């Protein structure tokens, strides 16, 4: 992510000491926003890699939405550092968008399968959350007595 240091130097710094690392039963996981598999490894690290991809669930007023996030060239401008693509128009369109961002532009073709797997899991979770709530009918307004 940093243009000042090489990715290997950054990885050697954050490999063992990072606030995102979660160790459980001998497995070292990572909670980085752009880590697609949540494994603490150089290949999937969103901090060390210059090109990283992540799938995230965002809560909005209309419900939960899925977003595909990737790094841009603007590393010194925090608001422009991450490109966000909405994945709300069905699975086929989302699959094409993931392919376009990862393999279609030769950005990170090795992350395509992992991104599709993460999207499928997140889409199932969002669908299950919507189905568990059910459809709630709108409340009718109370009417006062007419005199």
Protein backbone atom coordinates (compact mmCIF):
# COMPACT_ATOMS: atom_id res chain seq x y z
CA UNK A 1 0.00 0.00 0.00
CA UNK A 2 2.87 2.33 0.66
CA UNK A 3 4.76 3.69 -2.31
CA UNK A 4 7.68 4.69 -0.08
CA UNK A 5 8.73 1.14 0.94
CA UNK A 6 8.88 -2.09 -0.99
CA UNK A 7 6.14 -4.60 -0.28
CA UNK A 8 8.62 -7.10 1.17
CA UNK A 9 9.87 -4.58 3.73
CA UNK A 10 6.31 -3.73 4.76
CA UNK A 11 5.45 -7.44 5.03
CA UNK A 12 8.48 -8.08 7.26
CA UNK A 13 7.28 -5.28 9.55
CA UNK A 14 3.59 -6.31 9.79
CA UNK A 15 4.05 -10.08 9.53
CA UNK A 16 4.23 -10.72 13.27
CA UNK A 17 3.26 -7.37 14.78
CA UNK A 18 -0.05 -5.97 13.56
CA UNK A 19 -3.30 -4.99 15.21
CA UNK A 20 -5.17 -7.02 12.56
CA UNK A 21 -3.62 -10.40 13.49
CA UNK A 22 -5.89 -12.86 15.30
CA UNK A 23 -4.30 -16.12 16.48
CA UNK A 24 -6.59 -19.06 17.20
CA UNK A 25 -5.64 -22.72 17.74
CA UNK A 26 -2.27 -22.33 16.02
CA UNK A 27 -3.77 -20.60 12.99
CA UNK A 28 -2.78 -17.02 12.25
CA UNK A 29 -5.66 -15.04 10.73
CA UNK A 30 -5.87 -11.41 9.68
CA UNK A 31 -8.74 -8.93 9.88
CA UNK A 32 -7.33 -6.51 7.30
CA UNK A 33 -10.03 -4.78 5.21
CA UNK A 34 -8.45 -5.77 1.87
CA UNK A 35 -7.41 -9.31 2.83
CA UNK A 36 -9.66 -11.53 0.70
CA UNK A 37 -9.09 -14.84 2.55
CA UNK A 38 -8.39 -13.52 6.07
CA UNK A 39 -5.15 -15.54 6.19
CA UNK A 40 -2.05 -13.81 7.50
CA UNK A 41 0.15 -14.37 4.44
CA UNK A 42 2.12 -12.18 2.06
CA UNK A 43 0.01 -13.16 -0.95
CA UNK A 44 -3.29 -12.02 0.55
CA UNK A 45 -2.10 -9.13 2.71
CA UNK A 46 -3.90 -5.86 2.07
CA UNK A 47 -1.23 -3.88 3.89
CA UNK A 48 1.88 -5.24 2.21
CA UNK A 49 0.68 -5.68 -1.38
CA UNK A 50 0.54 -2.78 -3.81
CA UNK A 51 -2.51 -4.41 -5.39
CA UNK A 52 -5.15 -5.83 -3.07
CA UNK A 53 -8.81 -6.83 -3.41
CA UNK A 54 -11.50 -7.24 -0.77
CA UNK A 55 -15.22 -8.00 -0.55
CA UNK A 56 -17.06 -6.20 2.25
CA UNK A 57 -20.61 -6.02 3.61
CA UNK A 58 -21.83 -2.49 4.30
CA UNK A 59 -24.97 -1.65 6.26
CA UNK A 60 -27.17 1.06 4.74
CA UNK A 61 -30.69 2.34 5.36
CA UNK A 62 -32.03 -0.03 2.70
CA UNK A 63 -30.25 -3.04 4.19
CA UNK A 64 -26.90 -4.74 3.81
CA UNK A 65 -24.98 -4.20 0.56
CA UNK A 66 -21.91 -5.95 -0.83
CA UNK A 67 -18.94 -4.00 -2.16
CA UNK A 68 -15.78 -4.96 -4.03
CA UNK A 69 -12.82 -2.84 -2.93
CA UNK A 70 -9.42 -2.51 -4.60
CA UNK A 71 -6.41 -0.24 -4.20
CA UNK A 72 -5.75 2.60 -6.63
CA UNK A 73 -2.64 4.58 -7.55
CA UNK A 74 -3.53 7.40 -5.15
CA UNK A 75 -1.75 6.01 -2.08
CA UNK A 76 -1.05 9.46 -0.62
CA UNK A 77 -4.72 10.52 -0.78
CA UNK A 78 -6.75 8.47 1.71
CA UNK A 79 -10.15 9.28 0.21
CA UNK A 80 -9.05 8.13 -3.26
CA UNK A 81 -6.84 5.23 -2.14
CA UNK A 82 -9.57 2.57 -2.39
CA UNK A 83 -11.86 2.01 -5.36
CA UNK A 84 -15.35 0.79 -4.39
CA UNK A 85 -17.62 -1.17 -6.76
CA UNK A 86 -21.18 -2.05 -5.71
CA UNK A 87 -22.26 -5.69 -6.11
CA UNK A 88 -26.02 -5.28 -5.80
CA UNK A 89 -27.44 -6.28 -9.19
CA UNK A 90 -27.45 -10.07 -9.02
CA UNK A 91 -24.86 -12.82 -8.92
CA UNK A 92 -24.03 -12.92 -12.62
CA UNK A 93 -23.34 -9.20 -12.80
CA UNK A 94 -21.31 -9.40 -9.61
CA UNK A 95 -19.26 -12.27 -11.06
CA UNK A 96 -18.51 -10.20 -14.16
CA UNK A 97 -17.53 -7.20 -12.04
CA UNK A 98 -15.16 -9.33 -9.94
CA UNK A 99 -13.64 -10.82 -13.10
CA UNK A 100 -13.22 -7.35 -14.60
CA UNK A 101 -11.45 -5.96 -11.52
CA UNK A 102 -9.17 -8.95 -10.86
CA UNK A 103 -8.38 -10.88 -14.03
CA UNK A 104 -9.87 -8.71 -16.77
CA UNK A 105 -7.44 -5.84 -16.25
CA UNK A 106 -4.55 -8.08 -15.11
CA UNK A 107 -4.79 -6.40 -11.71
CA UNK A 108 -4.52 -9.56 -9.56
CA UNK A 109 -5.75 -12.58 -11.55
CA UNK A 110 -4.56 -14.93 -8.79
CA UNK A 111 -7.20 -13.49 -6.44
CA UNK A 112 -10.18 -14.10 -8.75
CA UNK A 113 -11.22 -17.47 -7.26
CA UNK A 114 -10.81 -16.25 -3.70
CA UNK A 115 -12.85 -13.11 -4.44
CA UNK A 116 -15.65 -15.15 -6.02
CA UNK A 117 -15.69 -17.55 -3.06
CA UNK A 118 -15.82 -14.67 -0.57
CA UNK A 119 -18.61 -13.00 -2.56
CA UNK A 120 -20.68 -16.21 -2.59
CA UNK A 121 -20.33 -16.63 1.18
CA UNK A 122 -21.18 -12.98 1.85
CA UNK A 123 -24.17 -13.06 -0.54
CA UNK A 124 -25.57 -16.16 1.21
CA UNK A 125 -25.15 -14.48 4.59
CA UNK A 126 -26.91 -11.30 3.44
CA UNK A 127 -29.74 -13.35 1.88
CA UNK A 128 -30.15 -15.39 5.07
CA UNK A 129 -30.28 -12.21 7.14
CA UNK A 130 -32.99 -10.74 4.90
CA UNK A 131 -35.02 -13.98 4.95
CA UNK A 132 -34.79 -14.34 8.72
CA UNK A 133 -36.29 -10.89 9.20
CA UNK A 134 -39.14 -11.63 6.84
CA UNK A 135 -41.33 -9.03 5.22
CA UNK A 136 -42.85 -6.72 7.78
CA UNK A 137 -46.01 -4.95 6.63
CA UNK A 138 -46.05 -1.19 6.92
CA UNK A 139 -47.85 0.20 9.94
CA UNK A 140 -51.13 1.87 9.25
CA UNK A 141 -51.61 5.37 10.54
CA UNK A 142 -54.11 5.75 13.38
CA UNK A 143 -57.17 7.73 12.62
CA UNK A 144 -58.81 9.94 15.14
CA UNK A 145 -62.56 10.11 15.63
CA UNK A 146 -64.46 12.39 13.43
CA UNK A 147 -66.68 14.73 15.31
